[in-house]
N, C-alpha and C. Protein backbone atom coordinates (compact mmCIF):
# COMPACT_ATOMS: atom_id res chain seq x y z
N MET A 1 0.87 -1.18 0.02
CA MET A 1 0.01 -0.01 -0.01
C MET A 1 0.87 1.27 -0.01
N ASP A 2 0.52 2.15 -0.86
CA ASP A 2 1.24 3.49 -0.89
C ASP A 2 0.67 4.36 0.16
N LEU A 3 1.47 4.54 1.24
CA LEU A 3 0.93 5.33 2.38
C LEU A 3 1.00 6.84 2.19
N SER A 4 1.76 7.25 1.18
CA SER A 4 1.97 8.69 1.05
C SER A 4 0.60 9.41 0.70
N ASN A 5 -0.31 8.66 0.00
CA ASN A 5 -1.54 9.37 -0.33
C ASN A 5 -2.60 9.31 0.80
N LYS A 6 -2.24 8.72 1.96
CA LYS A 6 -3.08 8.68 3.09
C LYS A 6 -2.77 9.79 4.11
N ILE A 7 -1.72 10.58 3.86
CA ILE A 7 -1.37 11.60 4.66
C ILE A 7 -1.81 13.01 4.05
N CYS A 8 -2.51 13.75 4.90
CA CYS A 8 -3.05 15.04 4.41
C CYS A 8 -2.02 16.17 4.40
N ALA A 9 -1.85 16.86 3.38
CA ALA A 9 -0.90 18.01 3.28
C ALA A 9 -1.70 19.33 3.50
N ILE A 10 -1.26 20.02 4.53
CA ILE A 10 -2.00 21.33 4.85
C ILE A 10 -1.01 22.42 4.63
N LYS A 11 -1.35 23.30 3.61
CA LYS A 11 -0.41 24.38 3.24
C LYS A 11 -0.59 25.50 4.24
N ASP A 12 0.55 26.17 4.44
CA ASP A 12 0.69 27.39 5.22
C ASP A 12 0.34 27.08 6.76
N TYR A 13 0.56 25.92 7.27
CA TYR A 13 0.36 25.58 8.62
C TYR A 13 1.64 25.00 9.23
N PRO A 14 2.11 25.44 10.34
CA PRO A 14 1.52 26.42 11.28
C PRO A 14 1.83 27.85 10.89
N LYS A 15 2.62 28.04 9.84
CA LYS A 15 2.85 29.39 9.34
C LYS A 15 3.03 29.34 7.76
N GLU A 16 2.91 30.46 7.22
CA GLU A 16 3.01 30.62 5.74
C GLU A 16 4.34 30.08 5.25
N GLY A 17 4.21 29.26 4.18
CA GLY A 17 5.32 28.65 3.51
C GLY A 17 5.63 27.20 3.99
N ILE A 18 4.92 26.77 5.01
CA ILE A 18 5.16 25.42 5.52
C ILE A 18 3.99 24.61 5.03
N ILE A 19 4.38 23.30 4.60
CA ILE A 19 3.41 22.25 4.32
C ILE A 19 3.41 21.28 5.45
N PHE A 20 2.35 21.26 6.25
CA PHE A 20 2.26 20.36 7.36
C PHE A 20 1.75 18.98 6.95
N ARG A 21 2.41 17.91 7.24
CA ARG A 21 2.00 16.55 6.91
C ARG A 21 1.24 15.97 8.06
N ASP A 22 -0.04 15.95 7.91
CA ASP A 22 -0.95 15.45 8.98
C ASP A 22 -1.19 13.96 8.90
N ILE A 23 -0.65 13.24 9.84
CA ILE A 23 -0.67 11.78 9.84
C ILE A 23 -1.94 11.25 10.42
N THR A 24 -2.79 12.13 10.94
CA THR A 24 -4.04 11.65 11.66
C THR A 24 -4.97 10.99 10.60
N THR A 25 -4.93 11.48 9.38
CA THR A 25 -5.71 10.88 8.26
C THR A 25 -5.23 9.40 8.00
N LEU A 26 -3.98 9.10 8.12
CA LEU A 26 -3.48 7.76 8.01
C LEU A 26 -3.97 6.89 9.26
N LEU A 27 -3.77 7.48 10.42
CA LEU A 27 -4.20 6.80 11.62
C LEU A 27 -5.65 6.37 11.66
N MET A 28 -6.54 7.32 11.03
CA MET A 28 -8.02 6.97 11.09
C MET A 28 -8.32 5.87 10.10
N ASP A 29 -7.55 5.61 9.12
CA ASP A 29 -7.79 4.58 8.09
C ASP A 29 -7.18 3.25 8.66
N ARG A 30 -8.00 2.35 9.08
CA ARG A 30 -7.51 1.10 9.70
C ARG A 30 -6.58 0.33 8.81
N ASP A 31 -6.82 0.29 7.53
CA ASP A 31 -5.97 -0.47 6.62
C ASP A 31 -4.64 0.22 6.46
N ALA A 32 -4.62 1.54 6.31
CA ALA A 32 -3.43 2.29 6.24
C ALA A 32 -2.54 2.20 7.47
N PHE A 33 -3.26 2.30 8.65
CA PHE A 33 -2.54 2.19 9.91
C PHE A 33 -1.88 0.85 10.04
N LYS A 34 -2.63 -0.14 9.79
CA LYS A 34 -2.06 -1.52 9.86
C LYS A 34 -0.93 -1.69 8.87
N ALA A 35 -1.10 -1.20 7.67
CA ALA A 35 0.02 -1.28 6.65
C ALA A 35 1.27 -0.51 7.13
N SER A 36 1.07 0.63 7.77
CA SER A 36 2.27 1.39 8.29
C SER A 36 2.99 0.60 9.32
N ILE A 37 2.27 -0.06 10.26
CA ILE A 37 2.85 -0.85 11.29
C ILE A 37 3.60 -2.07 10.67
N ASP A 38 2.91 -2.69 9.67
CA ASP A 38 3.53 -3.87 9.01
C ASP A 38 4.83 -3.45 8.28
N GLN A 39 4.79 -2.30 7.58
CA GLN A 39 5.90 -1.87 6.81
C GLN A 39 7.05 -1.40 7.70
N LEU A 40 6.75 -0.74 8.81
CA LEU A 40 7.86 -0.35 9.66
C LEU A 40 8.46 -1.63 10.36
N SER A 41 7.55 -2.58 10.71
CA SER A 41 8.08 -3.86 11.37
C SER A 41 8.95 -4.63 10.31
N GLU A 42 8.60 -4.59 9.05
CA GLU A 42 9.31 -5.29 8.10
C GLU A 42 10.70 -4.70 7.86
N LYS A 43 10.94 -3.44 8.11
CA LYS A 43 12.29 -2.86 8.07
C LYS A 43 13.17 -3.46 9.17
N LEU A 44 12.64 -4.11 10.16
CA LEU A 44 13.38 -4.63 11.26
C LEU A 44 13.57 -6.11 11.28
N LYS A 45 13.00 -6.76 10.20
CA LYS A 45 12.98 -8.27 10.18
C LYS A 45 14.37 -8.88 10.34
N ASP A 46 15.39 -8.23 9.85
CA ASP A 46 16.75 -8.89 9.99
C ASP A 46 17.61 -8.27 11.09
N LYS A 47 16.89 -7.53 12.02
CA LYS A 47 17.67 -6.94 13.16
C LYS A 47 17.22 -7.56 14.47
N LYS A 48 18.18 -7.73 15.30
CA LYS A 48 17.87 -8.20 16.70
C LYS A 48 17.52 -6.97 17.48
N VAL A 49 16.30 -6.86 18.06
CA VAL A 49 15.79 -5.72 18.68
C VAL A 49 15.27 -6.11 20.12
N ASP A 50 15.91 -5.50 21.11
CA ASP A 50 15.38 -5.75 22.47
C ASP A 50 14.35 -4.66 22.92
N LYS A 51 14.64 -3.41 22.52
CA LYS A 51 13.76 -2.27 22.90
C LYS A 51 13.50 -1.40 21.69
N ILE A 52 12.25 -0.94 21.73
CA ILE A 52 11.89 0.13 20.82
C ILE A 52 11.78 1.33 21.63
N VAL A 53 12.40 2.44 21.29
CA VAL A 53 12.35 3.69 21.95
C VAL A 53 11.47 4.63 21.13
N GLY A 54 10.36 5.10 21.69
CA GLY A 54 9.47 6.01 20.99
C GLY A 54 9.50 7.42 21.51
N ILE A 55 9.53 8.32 20.65
CA ILE A 55 9.66 9.78 21.05
C ILE A 55 8.32 10.37 21.09
N GLU A 56 8.06 11.11 22.16
CA GLU A 56 6.78 11.77 22.47
C GLU A 56 6.36 12.63 21.28
N ALA A 57 5.21 12.71 20.91
CA ALA A 57 4.10 11.85 21.33
C ALA A 57 3.70 10.86 20.25
N ARG A 58 3.85 11.20 18.98
CA ARG A 58 3.41 10.33 17.95
C ARG A 58 4.36 9.12 17.78
N GLY A 59 5.64 9.19 18.24
CA GLY A 59 6.40 8.04 18.28
C GLY A 59 5.95 6.92 19.16
N PHE A 60 5.07 7.37 20.13
CA PHE A 60 4.43 6.36 21.01
C PHE A 60 3.48 5.47 20.29
N ILE A 61 2.71 6.13 19.28
CA ILE A 61 1.74 5.43 18.54
C ILE A 61 2.31 4.34 17.71
N PHE A 62 3.38 4.67 16.92
CA PHE A 62 4.07 3.75 16.04
C PHE A 62 4.99 2.78 16.84
N GLY A 63 5.66 3.35 17.84
CA GLY A 63 6.60 2.57 18.60
C GLY A 63 6.00 1.43 19.36
N THR A 64 4.91 1.67 20.01
CA THR A 64 4.23 0.61 20.83
C THR A 64 3.72 -0.49 19.92
N ALA A 65 3.13 -0.12 18.81
CA ALA A 65 2.54 -1.13 17.90
C ALA A 65 3.64 -1.95 17.27
N VAL A 66 4.71 -1.37 16.93
CA VAL A 66 5.84 -2.10 16.30
C VAL A 66 6.49 -2.91 17.37
N ALA A 67 6.67 -2.43 18.60
CA ALA A 67 7.25 -3.24 19.64
C ALA A 67 6.41 -4.46 19.95
N TYR A 68 5.10 -4.35 19.92
CA TYR A 68 4.22 -5.44 20.17
C TYR A 68 4.39 -6.46 19.02
N LYS A 69 4.36 -6.00 17.79
CA LYS A 69 4.42 -6.88 16.61
C LYS A 69 5.71 -7.65 16.56
N ILE A 70 6.81 -7.05 16.97
CA ILE A 70 8.11 -7.71 16.82
C ILE A 70 8.53 -8.41 18.18
N GLY A 71 7.81 -8.25 19.23
CA GLY A 71 8.10 -8.86 20.50
C GLY A 71 9.23 -8.18 21.26
N ALA A 72 9.29 -6.83 21.20
CA ALA A 72 10.30 -6.06 21.90
C ALA A 72 9.66 -5.34 23.04
N GLY A 73 10.46 -4.78 23.99
CA GLY A 73 9.97 -3.91 24.97
C GLY A 73 9.87 -2.53 24.38
N PHE A 74 9.13 -1.65 25.08
CA PHE A 74 8.91 -0.21 24.67
C PHE A 74 9.41 0.75 25.75
N VAL A 75 10.11 1.76 25.30
CA VAL A 75 10.60 2.90 26.19
C VAL A 75 10.17 4.15 25.69
N PRO A 76 9.39 4.94 26.58
CA PRO A 76 9.02 6.27 26.07
C PRO A 76 10.03 7.32 26.42
N VAL A 77 10.29 8.23 25.42
CA VAL A 77 11.08 9.47 25.59
C VAL A 77 10.13 10.58 25.76
N ARG A 78 10.27 11.37 26.86
CA ARG A 78 9.31 12.43 27.15
C ARG A 78 9.95 13.80 27.29
N LYS A 79 9.13 14.82 27.22
CA LYS A 79 9.63 16.13 27.46
C LYS A 79 9.88 16.22 28.98
N PRO A 80 10.64 17.25 29.42
CA PRO A 80 10.99 17.40 30.87
C PRO A 80 9.72 17.38 31.78
N GLY A 81 9.84 16.85 32.99
CA GLY A 81 8.81 16.90 34.01
C GLY A 81 7.73 15.84 33.86
N LYS A 82 7.89 14.90 32.97
CA LYS A 82 6.80 13.92 32.67
C LYS A 82 7.11 12.54 33.26
N LEU A 83 8.35 12.26 33.56
CA LEU A 83 8.73 10.98 34.08
C LEU A 83 9.03 11.00 35.62
N PRO A 84 8.45 10.07 36.35
CA PRO A 84 8.59 10.13 37.83
C PRO A 84 9.87 9.67 38.43
N ARG A 85 10.60 8.77 37.79
CA ARG A 85 11.71 8.19 38.48
C ARG A 85 12.99 8.84 37.90
N GLU A 86 14.10 8.30 38.41
CA GLU A 86 15.48 8.85 38.00
C GLU A 86 15.58 8.77 36.51
N LYS A 87 16.11 9.77 35.95
CA LYS A 87 16.14 9.84 34.51
C LYS A 87 17.43 10.37 33.99
N VAL A 88 17.65 10.16 32.67
CA VAL A 88 18.81 10.76 31.93
C VAL A 88 18.14 11.71 30.91
N SER A 89 18.86 12.75 30.59
CA SER A 89 18.34 13.80 29.66
C SER A 89 19.33 14.18 28.64
N ALA A 90 18.85 14.79 27.56
CA ALA A 90 19.70 15.32 26.55
C ALA A 90 19.05 16.60 25.89
N GLU A 91 19.78 17.59 25.62
CA GLU A 91 19.41 18.84 24.98
C GLU A 91 19.51 18.77 23.50
N TYR A 92 18.71 19.51 22.80
CA TYR A 92 18.85 19.65 21.36
C TYR A 92 18.44 21.03 21.03
N GLU A 93 18.93 21.49 19.77
CA GLU A 93 18.68 22.85 19.28
C GLU A 93 17.41 22.95 18.60
N LEU A 94 16.71 24.07 18.86
CA LEU A 94 15.54 24.43 18.15
C LEU A 94 15.90 25.67 17.26
N GLU A 95 14.96 26.07 16.47
CA GLU A 95 15.24 27.25 15.61
C GLU A 95 15.58 28.44 16.46
N TYR A 96 14.93 28.63 17.60
CA TYR A 96 15.21 29.79 18.46
C TYR A 96 15.33 29.31 19.92
N GLY A 97 16.41 28.62 20.17
CA GLY A 97 16.67 28.14 21.52
C GLY A 97 16.94 26.66 21.63
N LYS A 98 16.68 26.09 22.87
CA LYS A 98 16.97 24.74 23.09
C LYS A 98 15.76 24.02 23.68
N ASP A 99 15.73 22.73 23.60
CA ASP A 99 14.76 21.89 24.33
C ASP A 99 15.42 20.66 24.87
N LYS A 100 14.68 19.84 25.59
CA LYS A 100 15.27 18.74 26.26
C LYS A 100 14.31 17.55 26.20
N VAL A 101 14.87 16.35 26.11
CA VAL A 101 14.06 15.09 26.26
C VAL A 101 14.72 14.27 27.40
N GLU A 102 13.81 13.41 27.90
CA GLU A 102 14.25 12.58 29.04
C GLU A 102 13.81 11.15 28.91
N MET A 103 14.46 10.19 29.56
CA MET A 103 14.01 8.80 29.61
C MET A 103 14.50 8.27 30.95
N HIS A 104 13.80 7.25 31.44
CA HIS A 104 14.16 6.67 32.75
C HIS A 104 15.60 6.03 32.67
N LEU A 105 16.28 6.26 33.73
CA LEU A 105 17.65 5.78 33.76
C LEU A 105 17.78 4.27 33.69
N ASP A 106 16.78 3.47 34.08
CA ASP A 106 16.83 2.09 34.04
C ASP A 106 16.12 1.42 32.83
N SER A 107 15.82 2.27 31.85
CA SER A 107 15.05 1.87 30.65
C SER A 107 15.84 1.05 29.69
N ILE A 108 17.08 1.24 29.54
CA ILE A 108 17.98 0.47 28.63
C ILE A 108 19.14 -0.07 29.39
N LYS A 109 19.34 -1.40 29.19
CA LYS A 109 20.46 -2.06 29.93
C LYS A 109 21.65 -2.07 28.90
N LYS A 110 22.88 -2.06 29.45
CA LYS A 110 24.06 -2.07 28.66
C LYS A 110 24.01 -3.33 27.71
N GLY A 111 24.31 -3.03 26.43
CA GLY A 111 24.39 -4.06 25.40
C GLY A 111 23.03 -4.34 24.65
N GLU A 112 21.94 -3.77 25.14
CA GLU A 112 20.61 -4.01 24.48
C GLU A 112 20.65 -3.36 23.12
N ASN A 113 20.02 -4.06 22.21
CA ASN A 113 19.79 -3.55 20.84
C ASN A 113 18.52 -2.75 20.78
N VAL A 114 18.69 -1.51 20.27
CA VAL A 114 17.61 -0.50 20.35
C VAL A 114 17.31 0.07 19.01
N VAL A 115 16.03 0.21 18.70
CA VAL A 115 15.53 0.99 17.49
C VAL A 115 14.73 2.24 18.10
N ILE A 116 15.06 3.34 17.53
CA ILE A 116 14.34 4.62 17.89
C ILE A 116 13.33 4.86 16.75
N ILE A 117 12.07 5.09 17.17
CA ILE A 117 10.97 5.29 16.24
C ILE A 117 10.30 6.61 16.52
N ASP A 118 10.03 7.36 15.45
CA ASP A 118 9.21 8.51 15.53
C ASP A 118 8.42 8.62 14.25
N ASP A 119 7.41 9.53 14.29
CA ASP A 119 6.56 9.68 13.13
C ASP A 119 7.25 10.42 11.98
N LEU A 120 8.13 11.36 12.28
CA LEU A 120 8.59 12.28 11.24
C LEU A 120 10.01 12.66 11.52
N LEU A 121 10.87 12.68 10.47
CA LEU A 121 12.26 13.14 10.55
C LEU A 121 12.26 14.50 9.79
N ALA A 122 12.64 15.54 10.52
CA ALA A 122 12.79 16.87 9.89
C ALA A 122 14.32 17.29 10.09
N THR A 123 14.64 17.90 11.11
CA THR A 123 16.05 18.32 11.35
C THR A 123 16.85 17.26 12.05
N GLY A 124 16.17 16.28 12.74
CA GLY A 124 16.85 15.21 13.46
C GLY A 124 17.25 15.58 14.90
N GLY A 125 17.01 16.72 15.37
CA GLY A 125 17.48 17.14 16.63
C GLY A 125 16.93 16.32 17.78
N THR A 126 15.68 16.02 17.85
CA THR A 126 15.12 15.19 18.90
C THR A 126 15.58 13.72 18.81
N SER A 127 15.71 13.27 17.64
CA SER A 127 16.18 11.90 17.41
C SER A 127 17.69 11.74 17.80
N LYS A 128 18.45 12.77 17.50
CA LYS A 128 19.88 12.72 17.87
C LYS A 128 20.03 12.76 19.36
N ALA A 129 19.26 13.60 20.01
CA ALA A 129 19.25 13.70 21.51
C ALA A 129 18.88 12.38 22.12
N THR A 130 17.80 11.72 21.50
CA THR A 130 17.39 10.45 22.01
C THR A 130 18.49 9.34 21.83
N ALA A 131 19.14 9.34 20.72
CA ALA A 131 20.26 8.46 20.47
C ALA A 131 21.30 8.64 21.50
N GLN A 132 21.68 9.89 21.76
CA GLN A 132 22.76 10.17 22.77
C GLN A 132 22.38 9.49 24.15
N MET A 133 21.05 9.62 24.50
CA MET A 133 20.66 9.08 25.81
C MET A 133 20.80 7.56 25.78
N VAL A 134 20.33 6.93 24.66
CA VAL A 134 20.40 5.46 24.53
C VAL A 134 21.81 5.03 24.69
N GLU A 135 22.74 5.72 23.99
CA GLU A 135 24.18 5.34 24.07
C GLU A 135 24.77 5.58 25.40
N LYS A 136 24.40 6.63 26.01
CA LYS A 136 24.89 6.91 27.43
C LYS A 136 24.48 5.76 28.36
N LEU A 137 23.36 5.16 28.17
CA LEU A 137 22.91 4.05 29.01
C LEU A 137 23.50 2.71 28.57
N GLY A 138 24.27 2.73 27.48
CA GLY A 138 24.89 1.52 27.00
C GLY A 138 24.17 0.73 25.90
N GLY A 139 23.14 1.39 25.38
CA GLY A 139 22.36 0.59 24.31
C GLY A 139 23.03 0.68 22.96
N LYS A 140 22.79 -0.29 22.14
CA LYS A 140 23.38 -0.27 20.74
C LYS A 140 22.29 0.08 19.78
N ILE A 141 22.41 1.15 19.09
CA ILE A 141 21.37 1.65 18.19
C ILE A 141 21.45 0.85 16.92
N GLN A 142 20.34 0.11 16.54
CA GLN A 142 20.25 -0.64 15.34
C GLN A 142 19.89 0.25 14.13
N CYS A 143 18.94 1.07 14.40
CA CYS A 143 18.52 2.06 13.36
C CYS A 143 17.58 3.08 14.00
N LEU A 144 17.36 4.15 13.29
CA LEU A 144 16.35 5.16 13.62
C LEU A 144 15.31 5.01 12.46
N LEU A 145 14.04 4.88 12.88
CA LEU A 145 12.97 4.49 11.96
C LEU A 145 11.91 5.52 11.97
N PHE A 146 11.46 5.96 10.73
CA PHE A 146 10.46 7.03 10.70
C PHE A 146 9.37 6.67 9.69
N LEU A 147 8.16 7.10 10.01
CA LEU A 147 7.07 6.98 9.00
C LEU A 147 7.39 7.92 7.81
N VAL A 148 7.65 9.20 8.17
CA VAL A 148 7.86 10.21 7.10
C VAL A 148 9.22 10.88 7.32
N GLU A 149 9.87 11.20 6.19
CA GLU A 149 11.14 11.87 6.20
C GLU A 149 10.98 13.10 5.36
N LEU A 150 11.14 14.27 5.85
CA LEU A 150 11.15 15.53 5.03
C LEU A 150 12.54 15.77 4.48
N ILE A 151 12.59 15.81 3.19
CA ILE A 151 13.90 15.99 2.52
C ILE A 151 14.00 17.39 1.96
N SER A 152 13.17 18.26 2.33
CA SER A 152 13.18 19.66 1.89
C SER A 152 14.53 20.31 2.22
N GLU A 153 14.99 21.19 1.35
CA GLU A 153 16.28 21.82 1.52
C GLU A 153 16.35 22.59 2.87
N GLY A 154 17.45 22.45 3.56
CA GLY A 154 17.58 23.17 4.73
C GLY A 154 17.29 22.42 6.08
N LEU A 155 16.61 21.29 5.91
CA LEU A 155 16.24 20.51 7.10
C LEU A 155 17.40 19.64 7.52
N ASN A 156 17.98 18.87 6.54
CA ASN A 156 19.20 18.08 6.73
C ASN A 156 19.06 16.98 7.89
N GLY A 157 17.91 16.46 8.05
CA GLY A 157 17.68 15.45 9.10
C GLY A 157 18.62 14.23 8.96
N ARG A 158 18.66 13.68 7.72
CA ARG A 158 19.47 12.45 7.51
C ARG A 158 20.98 12.81 7.74
N GLU A 159 21.37 13.99 7.28
CA GLU A 159 22.77 14.41 7.46
C GLU A 159 23.10 14.58 8.91
N ASN A 160 22.15 15.15 9.65
CA ASN A 160 22.39 15.33 11.05
C ASN A 160 22.45 14.08 11.82
N LEU A 161 21.96 12.95 11.25
CA LEU A 161 21.94 11.64 11.90
C LEU A 161 22.96 10.69 11.10
N LYS A 162 23.91 11.22 10.42
CA LYS A 162 24.81 10.48 9.57
C LYS A 162 25.56 9.34 10.30
N ASP A 163 25.63 9.41 11.62
CA ASP A 163 26.32 8.39 12.40
C ASP A 163 25.51 7.12 12.58
N TYR A 164 24.27 7.18 12.09
CA TYR A 164 23.27 6.13 12.41
C TYR A 164 22.68 5.66 11.04
N THR A 165 22.12 4.40 11.16
CA THR A 165 21.32 3.96 9.99
C THR A 165 19.91 4.55 10.12
N VAL A 166 19.49 5.23 9.10
CA VAL A 166 18.19 5.88 9.08
C VAL A 166 17.28 5.22 8.07
N GLU A 167 16.09 4.87 8.47
CA GLU A 167 15.12 4.27 7.60
C GLU A 167 13.81 5.02 7.60
N SER A 168 13.08 5.24 6.47
CA SER A 168 11.84 5.89 6.53
C SER A 168 10.94 5.21 5.48
N LEU A 169 9.66 5.33 5.59
CA LEU A 169 8.69 4.73 4.61
C LEU A 169 8.30 5.75 3.60
N ILE A 170 8.20 7.02 3.89
CA ILE A 170 7.69 8.05 2.94
C ILE A 170 8.65 9.18 3.01
N LYS A 171 8.95 9.70 1.75
CA LYS A 171 9.81 10.94 1.67
C LYS A 171 9.08 12.03 0.93
N TYR A 172 9.11 13.20 1.53
CA TYR A 172 8.44 14.39 0.89
C TYR A 172 9.57 15.40 0.74
C-alpha cells in the first residue's frame, strides 16, 4: 500500500510557507494504519531488537505497535517533567533556543539492541538527543525508523543523523 496518499498536506500551517504533513488521516484509516505498522516492522526483520524507543508523542503510537508486533519492549522518551523516576536527559537545538528530552535511567540495559521510532524526521534534533541518551545508557542503536522523512532543503535530518542507520517509509 502506498501510504503517502493517506497523509493530508496542509499548506501554510503552522505558518506561511510550511506544508504540514498530517498523519491523523493515516491513523484513522485502519488499513493504512495496519500497513504502516507492518511496513515499519518489516524494516526490522533482519535486526535483533530488544527495545523500541518512541519519542513523544506520535512516536508512542508507532513505537508501541511495532514493539508489540516484533516482541520487543517499549521505552517512552518524554519532555521534561513527565517521568517520575530517576532519568537521563539530553538537550537539542531548536530554531530559536533549546529543548530537552528525558528517559528513565533504568530503561535501557548495557548491550541491548535498540531501535528509535518517531513519526517524522525533519532536522533530526530530537532523534539525535534520544540516540545520545540510549548510548549513554549502553544501548546499541540498530537504526532510527520514521514513517515520514522531510527531505526539503535546509532541514538536513538524515545528514544530522549520519552516524546512524536511518530508515523511512515516505519521503516528501
